[in-house]
Amino acid sequence: MNHFGLLSLAARTTVKASLKHYNGTYLKELVSSHRGFGTSLYLGYQKKKLNVLNRGKLFHSALEDALLSSRIPETDNEDVAGYLQSVKGVLGDVTGTRVLESAVTHLPLQYTGLLDCVAEFRGKLCVIDWKTSEKPKPYFRNTFDNPLQVAAYAGALNHDDNYDFQVEQGLIVVAYRDGRPAHTHFMDPPLLLVCWQRWLLRLHTYQQKMAAPT
């Protein structure tokens, strides 16, 4: 799930910058390949973006049902059905769900996020982030900033007094609309620590930027 934008302060700005870069690049590619379409092209792009967001919301809602009931829910939405088919094998390895769609806050570092899920994956307690993608992401490097997002969530949860447990591992699950098996990227404690340190650097950079006189 793409909730990095809900991390306040640095996280929110980071994601806005990333989305601005992505949206700008994508729109430029469209314009360069379809010159002369003007407003209709832009509206088509906005519609596609909205469709992606709606599919993501429906998929995550269905995921919650699956995790709470231990069964794949039925759906008339072909896209959601494809995503559910994609993660079917992964869901069989997810047990002991503790948290679904829950806010976490790191007071000392002053950021907040809304994480997807905390559950056991093959017996190991993880912060799990469910992603959808049109392109295959078989390798960890294909997940770009997603690991920093997971590390930020884990760090916030571990410093949030509302939770009486700690999480030292993470999991990124990439689901595909065509139903092909999802790719999973497990983050063990050393890897999560590396990503946490990178997140801290990014947060620090943002805080310095915000503190600088304009």
Protein backbone atom coordinates (compact mmCIF):
# COMPACT_ATOMS: atom_id res chain seq x y z
CA MET A 1 0.00 0.00 0.00
CA ASN A 2 1.43 3.47 -0.92
CA HIS A 3 1.01 5.23 2.56
CA PHE A 4 4.40 6.95 2.63
CA GLY A 5 2.57 10.18 1.92
CA LEU A 6 0.92 9.90 5.36
CA LEU A 7 4.23 10.11 7.13
CA SER A 8 4.22 13.69 8.31
CA LEU A 9 6.87 16.35 7.82
CA ALA A 10 9.82 14.91 5.93
CA ALA A 11 8.01 11.85 4.72
CA ARG A 12 5.12 13.79 3.31
CA THR A 13 7.42 16.18 1.45
CA THR A 14 9.62 13.35 0.20
CA VAL A 15 6.68 11.56 -1.31
CA LYS A 16 5.26 14.71 -2.86
CA ALA A 17 8.63 15.27 -4.51
CA SER A 18 8.78 11.67 -5.71
CA LEU A 19 5.23 11.77 -7.04
CA LYS A 20 5.86 15.11 -8.69
CA HIS A 21 8.91 13.66 -10.42
CA TYR A 22 7.03 10.54 -11.48
CA ASN A 23 3.94 12.40 -12.62
CA GLY A 24 5.99 14.97 -14.47
CA THR A 25 8.13 12.37 -16.19
CA TYR A 26 5.14 10.25 -17.14
CA LEU A 27 3.21 13.23 -18.46
CA LYS A 28 6.20 14.41 -20.49
CA GLU A 29 6.48 10.97 -22.06
CA LEU A 30 2.79 11.08 -22.96
CA VAL A 31 3.03 14.54 -24.43
CA SER A 32 6.15 13.76 -26.45
CA SER A 33 4.51 10.69 -27.96
CA HIS A 34 1.03 12.22 -28.45
CA ARG A 35 1.59 15.85 -29.40
CA GLY A 36 -1.52 17.77 -30.30
CA PHE A 37 -3.95 16.00 -27.96
CA GLY A 38 -3.74 18.75 -25.32
CA THR A 39 -6.49 18.73 -22.68
CA SER A 40 -7.89 15.33 -23.63
CA LEU A 41 -4.48 13.75 -23.04
CA TYR A 42 -4.14 15.40 -19.64
CA LEU A 43 -7.65 14.33 -18.60
CA GLY A 44 -6.90 10.79 -19.73
CA TYR A 45 -3.77 10.80 -17.59
CA GLN A 46 -5.68 12.09 -14.54
CA LYS A 47 -8.33 9.42 -15.05
CA LYS A 48 -5.67 6.72 -15.18
CA LYS A 49 -4.10 8.00 -11.97
CA LEU A 50 -7.50 8.02 -10.22
CA ASN A 51 -8.21 4.48 -11.41
CA VAL A 52 -4.92 3.29 -9.96
CA LEU A 53 -5.74 4.86 -6.59
CA ASN A 54 -9.23 3.35 -6.54
CA ARG A 55 -7.90 -0.11 -7.42
CA GLY A 56 -5.39 0.19 -4.60
CA LYS A 57 -8.07 1.08 -2.06
CA LEU A 58 -10.30 -1.80 -3.13
CA PHE A 59 -7.39 -4.23 -3.07
CA HIS A 60 -6.33 -3.25 0.43
CA SER A 61 -9.89 -3.49 1.70
CA ALA A 62 -10.14 -7.01 0.27
CA LEU A 63 -6.76 -7.85 1.82
CA GLU A 64 -8.01 -6.85 5.25
CA ASP A 65 -11.00 -9.18 4.82
CA ALA A 66 -8.68 -11.99 3.78
CA LEU A 67 -6.36 -11.51 6.74
CA LEU A 68 -9.21 -11.31 9.24
CA SER A 69 -11.17 -14.27 7.89
CA SER A 70 -8.32 -16.47 6.61
CA ARG A 71 -10.05 -16.83 3.25
CA ILE A 72 -9.92 -15.03 -0.07
CA PRO A 73 -13.05 -12.85 -0.42
CA GLU A 74 -15.11 -12.99 -3.58
CA THR A 75 -15.20 -9.88 -5.76
CA ASP A 76 -16.76 -8.80 -9.03
CA ASN A 77 -13.89 -6.41 -9.70
CA GLU A 78 -11.54 -8.13 -12.16
CA ASP A 79 -8.56 -6.00 -11.16
CA VAL A 80 -8.96 -6.75 -7.45
CA ALA A 81 -9.52 -10.42 -8.24
CA GLY A 82 -6.23 -10.41 -10.13
CA TYR A 83 -4.37 -8.84 -7.23
CA LEU A 84 -5.89 -11.32 -4.78
CA GLN A 85 -4.91 -14.22 -7.02
CA SER A 86 -1.41 -12.75 -7.14
CA VAL A 87 -1.00 -12.72 -3.34
CA LYS A 88 -2.85 -15.98 -2.69
CA GLY A 89 0.37 -17.89 -2.12
CA VAL A 90 1.77 -15.21 0.15
CA LEU A 91 -1.35 -15.09 2.32
CA GLY A 92 -0.82 -18.74 3.14
CA ASP A 93 2.46 -17.77 4.82
CA VAL A 94 0.97 -14.85 6.78
CA THR A 95 -0.37 -15.66 10.24
CA GLY A 96 -0.93 -14.02 13.60
CA THR A 97 -2.07 -10.64 12.32
CA ARG A 98 -1.64 -8.05 15.07
CA VAL A 99 -2.25 -4.74 13.33
CA LEU A 100 -4.17 -3.62 10.25
CA GLU A 101 -4.29 -0.06 8.90
CA SER A 102 -3.05 1.56 12.09
CA ALA A 103 -1.40 4.88 12.89
CA VAL A 104 2.09 4.91 14.38
CA THR A 105 3.93 7.92 15.79
CA HIS A 106 7.59 8.59 16.52
CA LEU A 107 7.36 11.51 18.93
CA PRO A 108 11.13 12.22 19.31
CA LEU A 109 11.55 12.42 15.52
CA GLN A 110 8.14 14.06 15.00
CA TYR A 111 6.61 11.99 12.26
CA THR A 112 3.49 9.87 11.95
CA GLY A 113 2.45 7.14 9.52
CA LEU A 114 -0.34 4.72 8.73
CA LEU A 115 1.05 1.25 8.27
CA ASP A 116 -0.65 -1.56 6.36
CA CYS A 117 -0.10 -4.58 8.52
CA VAL A 118 1.92 -6.23 11.26
CA ALA A 119 1.82 -10.01 11.15
CA GLU A 120 4.03 -13.07 11.05
CA PHE A 121 5.48 -14.11 7.72
CA ARG A 122 6.74 -17.68 7.92
CA GLY A 123 6.91 -17.32 11.68
CA LYS A 124 8.72 -13.97 11.77
CA LEU A 125 6.94 -10.84 12.97
CA CYS A 126 7.11 -8.17 10.26
CA VAL A 127 5.84 -4.79 9.23
CA ILE A 128 4.21 -5.79 5.94
CA ASP A 129 3.64 -3.33 3.14
CA TRP A 130 1.40 -4.44 0.28
CA LYS A 131 2.18 -2.85 -3.06
CA THR A 132 0.65 -3.10 -6.53
CA SER A 133 2.66 -2.71 -9.69
CA GLU A 134 2.17 -2.82 -13.43
CA LYS A 135 5.80 -3.78 -13.89
CA PRO A 136 7.54 -6.86 -12.45
CA LYS A 137 9.66 -6.17 -9.38
CA PRO A 138 11.49 -9.44 -8.77
CA TYR A 139 14.52 -7.87 -7.09
CA PHE A 140 14.86 -5.85 -3.91
CA ARG A 141 16.47 -3.00 -5.83
CA ASN A 142 13.28 -2.70 -7.92
CA THR A 143 11.35 -1.50 -4.86
CA PHE A 144 13.11 1.89 -4.82
CA ASP A 145 12.10 3.83 -1.67
CA ASN A 146 9.64 1.24 -0.36
CA PRO A 147 12.19 -0.22 2.10
CA LEU A 148 12.67 3.20 3.69
CA GLN A 149 8.93 3.40 4.12
CA VAL A 150 8.86 0.05 5.91
CA ALA A 151 11.79 1.09 8.11
CA ALA A 152 10.05 4.37 8.97
CA TYR A 153 6.90 2.50 10.00
CA ALA A 154 8.85 0.00 12.08
CA GLY A 155 10.81 2.74 13.81
CA ALA A 156 7.65 4.65 14.63
CA LEU A 157 5.87 1.56 15.94
CA ASN A 158 8.85 0.66 18.12
CA HIS A 159 8.72 4.12 19.72
CA ASP A 160 4.94 4.32 20.04
CA ASP A 161 3.60 3.60 23.55
CA ASN A 162 0.32 2.37 22.06
CA TYR A 163 2.03 -0.87 21.03
CA ASP A 164 3.39 -3.38 23.53
CA PHE A 165 5.67 -5.22 21.10
CA GLN A 166 8.66 -4.50 18.89
CA VAL A 167 9.20 -5.32 15.23
CA GLU A 168 12.67 -5.91 13.78
CA GLN A 169 11.80 -7.28 10.36
CA GLY A 170 9.90 -6.11 7.33
CA LEU A 171 8.25 -7.48 4.21
CA ILE A 172 7.32 -5.85 0.92
CA VAL A 173 4.76 -7.72 -1.15
CA VAL A 174 4.31 -6.68 -4.78
CA ALA A 175 1.01 -7.81 -6.29
CA TYR A 176 0.14 -7.89 -9.99
CA ARG A 177 -3.19 -7.16 -11.64
CA ASP A 178 -2.82 -10.02 -14.12
CA GLY A 179 -2.70 -12.55 -11.27
CA ARG A 180 0.90 -13.64 -11.69
CA PRO A 181 2.48 -14.70 -8.36
CA ALA A 182 3.45 -11.77 -6.19
CA HIS A 183 7.07 -11.03 -5.42
CA THR A 184 8.07 -10.84 -1.77
CA HIS A 185 11.07 -8.99 -0.40
CA PHE A 186 11.95 -9.91 3.15
CA MET A 187 13.93 -7.48 5.27
CA ASP A 188 15.88 -9.14 8.09
CA PRO A 189 17.08 -7.08 11.09
CA PRO A 190 20.44 -6.03 9.56
CA LEU A 191 18.78 -4.93 6.32
CA LEU A 192 15.98 -3.13 8.15
CA LEU A 193 18.63 -1.33 10.23
CA VAL A 194 20.42 -0.15 7.09
CA CYS A 195 17.15 1.16 5.68
CA TRP A 196 16.34 2.82 9.00
CA GLN A 197 19.68 4.66 8.93
CA ARG A 198 18.98 5.83 5.39
CA TRP A 199 15.56 7.03 6.46
CA LEU A 200 17.15 9.00 9.30
CA LEU A 201 19.50 10.69 6.84
CA ARG A 202 16.59 11.65 4.63
CA LEU A 203 14.62 12.95 7.61
CA HIS A 204 17.61 14.95 8.82
CA THR A 205 18.11 16.47 5.38
CA TYR A 206 14.49 17.54 5.30
CA GLN A 207 14.60 19.02 8.80
CA GLN A 208 17.73 21.00 7.91
CA LYS A 209 16.04 22.28 4.79
CA MET A 210 12.95 23.36 6.74
CA ALA A 211 15.07 25.07 9.40
CA ALA A 212 17.10 27.05 6.87
CA PRO A 213 16.09 30.71 6.49
CA THR A 214 14.20 31.53 3.33
